[in-house]
Amino acid sequence: MLRPRQRRFGQRPFVAGRCPTSRDRGAASDAALGPLTAVHDLSFEVHPGEVLGLLGPNGSGKSTTVKVLTGLLPPTSGHVLLDGQDALADVASYKSILGYVPEEPHLYSYLTGPEYLQLVGRLRGMMDAALDDKIERFMTLLGIWDDRYQTLSSYSKGMRQKILIAAAVLHNPRIVVLDEPFSGLDVSAARVLKAFVRSIAADGKMVVFSSHVLEVVEQVCSRVVILKDGRVVGHDSVERLRAMLQLPSLDAVFASLVQEDDSEARCRSMIAAMNA
């Protein structure tokens, strides 16, 4: 189990303690600012066979949590535990069983789709014959095989997102971290991805799903962790959170827990400002 702070993937949870930011790194030269704590005492578990949703408004600590979880950012305290062991003690081994779809699609735009996936697969140590077969199958299933000779610079946002999704799962990872994976996808592709996420969890993988699309999180996630200002304000199944707060939807639960301003009132104020 994966576990931040005192928890693990696979057996218990993932742990992200206080995580550094650009302001932390600049604190020595600009003491007036002081350190900024991005995440406070965050602790949760992810078990095989479940999808954990990570929710929160902008600035809540989701991106920092994902970066710690994927080994891109070391926590200033706490641990990421996998099966009871510090996963970040051997980052290379940990990343070899990790699949990650980042929020920002940074790709080598001069490569074609198959070339990019070949690069990723070879870095993962995959054999060429098996890799080529997987690339053709994934690109066909994702509806982009006909564009295999085009460079990524000519791909639409949705097509690039499909390449990122394929790259994340080519090596059959044990842990899959998805950060806004539906960005740019059309309705048909989004439906396929939702079913795929549920299926890989059913296959025994541990999935962390960070998204702003509450309806999708409600449809695919076993449990949710809701963050606000770097702290956990909700952590349970969607059904239990709705029942405890006596609210009809995850959207209503989210609004209640993060204490969002009334959206209708804000909308009216924006219309008034536009028309002023």
Protein backbone atom coordinates (compact mmCIF):
# COMPACT_ATOMS: atom_id res chain seq x y z
CA MET A 1 0.00 0.00 0.00
CA LEU A 2 1.09 3.55 -0.60
CA ARG A 3 1.03 5.97 2.23
CA PRO A 4 2.08 9.63 2.74
CA ARG A 5 3.50 10.57 6.06
CA GLN A 6 2.85 7.56 8.22
CA ARG A 7 1.09 5.47 5.64
CA ARG A 8 1.81 3.38 2.55
CA PHE A 9 0.75 2.30 -0.97
CA GLY A 10 -0.34 -1.26 -1.10
CA GLN A 11 -0.45 -1.78 2.61
CA ARG A 12 -1.04 1.53 4.23
CA PRO A 13 -0.84 5.25 3.07
CA PHE A 14 1.38 7.87 1.43
CA VAL A 15 2.83 10.64 3.56
CA ALA A 16 3.60 14.17 2.67
CA GLY A 17 4.69 16.36 5.51
CA ARG A 18 5.79 19.97 5.15
CA CYS A 19 6.87 20.39 1.55
CA PRO A 20 9.23 23.06 0.22
CA THR A 21 8.20 25.70 -2.26
CA SER A 22 10.06 28.38 -4.16
CA ARG A 23 9.54 30.67 -1.21
CA ASP A 24 11.14 28.14 1.15
CA ARG A 25 14.22 28.03 -1.04
CA GLY A 26 14.42 31.82 -1.12
CA ALA A 27 13.86 32.30 2.60
CA ALA A 28 17.57 32.50 3.40
CA SER A 29 18.04 35.47 1.11
CA ASP A 30 14.72 37.10 1.91
CA ALA A 31 13.94 36.39 5.54
CA ALA A 32 11.14 38.95 5.56
CA LEU A 33 8.97 36.60 3.58
CA GLY A 34 9.56 33.65 5.88
CA PRO A 35 8.93 30.03 4.95
CA LEU A 36 5.68 28.95 3.32
CA THR A 37 4.24 25.60 4.36
CA ALA A 38 2.49 24.07 1.36
CA VAL A 39 1.13 20.94 3.05
CA HIS A 40 0.55 20.36 6.78
CA ASP A 41 0.62 16.88 8.33
CA LEU A 42 -1.03 15.21 5.38
CA SER A 43 -1.57 11.49 5.86
CA PHE A 44 -3.61 9.02 3.81
CA GLU A 45 -3.46 5.47 2.50
CA VAL A 46 -4.00 4.04 -0.95
CA HIS A 47 -4.75 0.34 -1.24
CA PRO A 48 -4.55 -1.98 -4.24
CA GLY A 49 -7.85 -2.02 -6.08
CA GLU A 50 -9.00 1.49 -5.20
CA VAL A 51 -9.02 4.95 -6.74
CA LEU A 52 -8.29 7.77 -4.28
CA GLY A 53 -9.56 11.19 -5.36
CA LEU A 54 -7.51 14.25 -4.44
CA LEU A 55 -9.60 17.42 -4.38
CA GLY A 56 -9.10 21.02 -3.36
CA PRO A 57 -9.29 24.61 -4.63
CA ASN A 58 -6.28 26.29 -6.23
CA GLY A 59 -3.50 26.69 -3.68
CA SER A 60 -4.78 23.89 -1.46
CA GLY A 61 -1.64 21.74 -1.78
CA LYS A 62 -2.75 19.22 -4.42
CA SER A 63 0.14 19.88 -6.80
CA THR A 64 2.69 19.72 -3.99
CA THR A 65 1.18 16.45 -2.78
CA VAL A 66 1.36 14.95 -6.28
CA LYS A 67 4.98 16.07 -6.69
CA VAL A 68 5.97 14.49 -3.38
CA LEU A 69 4.05 11.32 -4.19
CA THR A 70 5.77 10.94 -7.57
CA GLY A 71 9.25 11.63 -6.21
CA LEU A 72 9.60 14.99 -7.95
CA LEU A 73 9.77 16.94 -4.68
CA PRO A 74 11.28 15.65 -1.41
CA PRO A 75 9.17 16.32 1.70
CA THR A 76 10.83 18.44 4.38
CA SER A 77 9.32 16.06 6.92
CA GLY A 78 7.35 12.84 6.77
CA HIS A 79 7.66 9.93 4.36
CA VAL A 80 6.13 8.20 1.39
CA LEU A 81 5.83 4.56 2.45
CA LEU A 82 5.33 1.61 0.12
CA ASP A 83 4.68 -1.71 1.85
CA GLY A 84 6.07 -0.21 5.05
CA GLN A 85 9.35 0.98 3.49
CA ASP A 86 10.48 4.49 2.59
CA ALA A 87 9.68 4.63 -1.14
CA LEU A 88 11.93 7.66 -1.72
CA ALA A 89 15.01 5.95 -0.28
CA ASP A 90 15.46 4.41 -3.74
CA VAL A 91 13.69 6.82 -6.07
CA ALA A 92 14.75 5.00 -9.27
CA SER A 93 13.21 1.71 -8.14
CA TYR A 94 10.08 3.48 -6.91
CA LYS A 95 9.59 5.31 -10.20
CA SER A 96 9.98 2.05 -12.12
CA ILE A 97 6.62 0.87 -10.72
CA LEU A 98 4.96 4.27 -11.01
CA GLY A 99 2.87 5.63 -13.88
CA TYR A 100 2.24 9.38 -13.93
CA VAL A 101 0.10 11.66 -16.08
CA PRO A 102 1.21 15.24 -15.24
CA GLU A 103 -1.07 18.23 -15.33
CA GLU A 104 1.17 20.03 -17.84
CA PRO A 105 1.90 18.02 -21.03
CA HIS A 106 5.63 18.65 -21.48
CA LEU A 107 6.48 16.56 -24.53
CA TYR A 108 9.31 16.50 -27.07
CA SER A 109 7.36 18.21 -29.81
CA TYR A 110 9.74 17.26 -32.64
CA LEU A 111 9.06 13.53 -32.10
CA THR A 112 6.13 11.61 -33.52
CA GLY A 113 3.73 9.88 -31.15
CA PRO A 114 5.32 6.42 -31.61
CA GLU A 115 8.83 7.89 -31.28
CA TYR A 116 7.93 9.52 -27.97
CA LEU A 117 6.39 6.30 -26.65
CA GLN A 118 9.43 4.32 -27.83
CA LEU A 119 11.66 6.71 -25.89
CA VAL A 120 9.57 6.29 -22.75
CA GLY A 121 9.40 2.52 -23.13
CA ARG A 122 13.14 2.13 -23.65
CA LEU A 123 13.84 4.30 -20.61
CA ARG A 124 11.58 1.89 -18.75
CA GLY A 125 13.71 -1.03 -19.99
CA MET A 126 11.01 -2.54 -22.20
CA MET A 127 12.01 -4.86 -25.06
CA ASP A 128 11.48 -3.40 -28.54
CA ALA A 129 9.18 -6.12 -29.89
CA ALA A 130 6.75 -5.95 -26.96
CA LEU A 131 7.02 -2.16 -26.89
CA ASP A 132 6.19 -1.72 -30.59
CA ASP A 133 3.16 -3.97 -30.20
CA LYS A 134 1.91 -2.02 -27.19
CA ILE A 135 2.42 1.32 -28.92
CA GLU A 136 0.38 0.27 -31.94
CA ARG A 137 -2.39 -1.16 -29.75
CA PHE A 138 -2.62 1.88 -27.48
CA MET A 139 -2.54 4.41 -30.31
CA THR A 140 -5.18 2.45 -32.22
CA LEU A 141 -7.45 2.15 -29.18
CA LEU A 142 -7.02 5.86 -28.44
CA GLY A 143 -7.86 6.81 -32.02
CA ILE A 144 -4.52 8.39 -32.94
CA TRP A 145 -2.80 5.63 -34.95
CA ASP A 146 -3.62 7.38 -38.24
CA ASP A 147 -1.54 10.34 -37.01
CA ARG A 148 1.51 8.22 -36.20
CA TYR A 149 3.74 10.00 -38.71
CA GLN A 150 2.87 13.47 -37.44
CA THR A 151 5.09 15.23 -34.91
CA LEU A 152 3.66 16.03 -31.50
CA SER A 153 3.84 19.74 -32.33
CA SER A 154 0.94 19.18 -34.75
CA TYR A 155 -1.17 17.22 -32.23
CA SER A 156 -4.20 18.80 -30.59
CA LYS A 157 -4.27 19.12 -26.79
CA GLY A 158 -6.49 16.06 -26.54
CA MET A 159 -4.17 14.00 -28.74
CA ARG A 160 -1.17 14.96 -26.63
CA GLN A 161 -3.12 13.99 -23.52
CA LYS A 162 -3.75 10.55 -25.01
CA ILE A 163 -0.02 10.13 -25.60
CA LEU A 164 0.66 11.02 -21.96
CA ILE A 165 -1.91 8.47 -20.78
CA ALA A 166 -0.37 5.74 -22.95
CA ALA A 167 3.13 6.65 -21.74
CA ALA A 168 2.02 6.38 -18.11
CA VAL A 169 0.77 2.79 -18.39
CA LEU A 170 3.00 1.25 -21.10
CA HIS A 171 5.12 -0.57 -18.50
CA ASN A 172 2.13 -1.92 -16.54
CA PRO A 173 2.88 0.08 -13.36
CA ARG A 174 1.78 -0.91 -9.88
CA ILE A 175 0.87 2.67 -8.92
CA VAL A 176 -0.82 5.19 -11.23
CA VAL A 177 -1.00 8.92 -10.43
CA LEU A 178 -3.31 10.98 -12.64
CA ASP A 179 -3.20 14.77 -12.38
CA GLU A 180 -6.10 16.34 -14.32
CA PRO A 181 -6.04 13.45 -16.84
CA PHE A 182 -9.21 14.57 -18.67
CA SER A 183 -7.71 17.87 -19.80
CA GLY A 184 -8.44 18.35 -23.51
CA LEU A 185 -10.20 15.01 -24.01
CA ASP A 186 -13.44 14.88 -25.99
CA VAL A 187 -16.56 13.28 -24.51
CA SER A 188 -15.93 9.89 -26.11
CA ALA A 189 -12.30 9.69 -24.95
CA ALA A 190 -13.28 10.85 -21.47
CA ARG A 191 -15.82 8.03 -21.19
CA VAL A 192 -13.17 5.49 -22.21
CA LEU A 193 -10.69 6.91 -19.69
CA LYS A 194 -13.24 6.75 -16.85
CA ALA A 195 -13.87 3.08 -17.60
CA PHE A 196 -10.12 2.47 -17.92
CA VAL A 197 -9.37 4.04 -14.52
CA ARG A 198 -12.00 1.86 -12.86
CA SER A 199 -10.67 -1.20 -14.67
CA ILE A 200 -7.01 -0.75 -13.72
CA ALA A 201 -8.06 -0.37 -10.09
CA ALA A 202 -10.13 -3.55 -10.37
CA ASP A 203 -6.97 -5.17 -11.74
CA GLY A 204 -5.28 -4.48 -8.39
CA LYS A 205 -3.46 -1.22 -9.08
CA MET A 206 -3.32 1.74 -6.69
CA VAL A 207 -4.65 4.89 -8.35
CA VAL A 208 -4.43 8.51 -7.16
CA PHE A 209 -6.72 10.78 -9.15
CA SER A 210 -6.32 14.56 -8.78
CA SER A 211 -8.96 16.59 -10.59
CA HIS A 212 -11.19 19.65 -10.50
CA VAL A 213 -13.96 17.75 -12.29
CA LEU A 214 -16.09 16.74 -9.32
CA GLU A 215 -18.60 14.69 -11.32
CA VAL A 216 -15.81 12.48 -12.65
CA VAL A 217 -14.25 12.05 -9.21
CA GLU A 218 -17.64 11.05 -7.87
CA GLN A 219 -18.01 8.46 -10.64
CA VAL A 220 -14.58 6.80 -10.46
CA CYS A 221 -13.15 7.24 -6.95
CA SER A 222 -13.48 4.85 -4.02
CA ARG A 223 -12.50 7.52 -1.50
CA VAL A 224 -11.64 11.21 -1.58
CA VAL A 225 -9.22 13.44 0.28
CA ILE A 226 -10.29 17.10 0.26
CA LEU A 227 -7.61 19.71 0.95
CA LYS A 228 -7.87 23.34 1.92
CA ASP A 229 -4.88 25.57 2.70
CA GLY A 230 -2.60 22.55 2.85
CA ARG A 231 -4.70 20.64 5.36
CA VAL A 232 -7.15 17.76 5.08
CA VAL A 233 -10.74 18.92 5.64
CA GLY A 234 -12.44 15.74 4.45
CA HIS A 235 -11.33 12.12 3.99
CA ASP A 236 -13.81 9.30 3.40
CA SER A 237 -15.88 7.62 0.73
CA VAL A 238 -18.12 9.91 -1.31
CA GLU A 239 -21.21 8.13 0.04
CA ARG A 240 -20.21 8.58 3.70
CA LEU A 241 -19.25 12.24 3.22
CA ARG A 242 -22.62 12.91 1.61
CA ALA A 243 -24.42 11.05 4.40
CA MET A 244 -22.50 12.71 7.24
CA LEU A 245 -23.05 16.20 5.86
CA GLN A 246 -26.55 15.39 4.60
CA LEU A 247 -25.74 16.79 1.17
CA PRO A 248 -26.86 15.39 -2.20
CA SER A 249 -23.62 15.47 -4.21
CA LEU A 250 -19.85 15.64 -4.01
CA ASP A 251 -20.07 19.15 -5.43
CA ALA A 252 -22.17 20.22 -2.44
CA VAL A 253 -19.84 18.39 -0.02
CA PHE A 254 -16.80 20.10 -1.55
CA ALA A 255 -18.41 23.55 -1.35
CA SER A 256 -19.34 22.96 2.29
CA LEU A 257 -15.95 21.67 3.42
CA VAL A 258 -13.82 24.31 1.68
CA GLN A 259 -16.35 27.01 2.63
CA GLU A 260 -16.58 28.42 -0.85
CA ASP A 261 -18.44 31.67 -1.41
CA ASP A 262 -21.90 31.33 -2.87
CA SER A 263 -21.27 30.73 -6.57
CA GLU A 264 -24.53 32.35 -7.67
CA ALA A 265 -23.75 35.54 -5.75
CA ARG A 266 -20.25 35.62 -7.19
CA CYS A 267 -21.64 35.10 -10.69
CA ARG A 268 -24.04 38.02 -10.26
CA SER A 269 -21.18 40.22 -9.07
CA MET A 270 -19.11 39.26 -12.13
CA ILE A 271 -22.01 40.13 -14.44
CA ALA A 272 -22.38 43.47 -12.66
CA ALA A 273 -18.64 44.15 -13.06
CA MET A 274 -18.79 43.23 -16.76
CA ASN A 275 -21.74 45.52 -17.36
CA ALA A 276 -20.39 48.44 -15.35
